[in-house]
Amino acid sequence: RFLFSSESLNQPIGRLSGGERARVLIAQLMLQPADVLLLDEPTNDLDIPTLEVLEESLLEFSGALVVVTHDRYMMDRISTILLGLDGLGNAGQFADYSQCETWQRSQESKATETAPARNTADTPRSSVTKRKLSYIEAREFATIEDRIAAAEQTLQAKRAALQDPAIASDGPRLLAVSAEIEEAQRIVDLLYARWAELEEKQD
């Protein structure tokens, strides 16, 4: 489960790699009886195998988890309630990161509309310097095309359902499927927007 070979089990901790030491700490954490775990950026500096071990361990934890993280994949995978902060003193509760992201963009738009106009000529050049992808963003970028493909397949399946005579002739079901199509399209649009954003940062 924690990806240790039989040879490494008898090695001193000091001779293990950084990822192996992290997995030892995760194993120790899971062995301790607890009702609540408080984790602050638990994915920082972890390699991919250790990230997967951490996520699986947290999913199996029977108590409550309070996790502070920028890893959107971990949020969607392990959380049941997501508390989002917009950096402007506002907070909201969401079911997944997509909802939180939509809300954050809405908050940013409101802040932009109410902010006083600034002279762009006075903006320091350093403020518009492109940032490189962070480790978490690079991880996200590596899988976003697959997520877009999956989202588009879901959208196509929802649209195909409208061709079913049983649904087309049933008013409530037709309304429900139409709402699902609208939501599926929104997710596709968000993923494409995020893809473009990450691609621009990478370039």
Foldseek 3Di string as FASTA:
>chain_A
DLPDDPVCPPDDLVPDDPQSVLSVVLVVVLPDDDQEDEEEASCPPHDPSSVVVNLVSLQPDPHYYHYHHPQQVSQQRRDQWDWADLVPPDIDIDRGVLVNVVVNVVVVVVCVVPDDDDDPVPDDPVVPDFAAQDPSLVVCLVCLVVVLVVLVVVLVVLVVVCVPPVQVVDVVSVVVSVVVNVVSVSVNVVSVVSNVVNVVSND
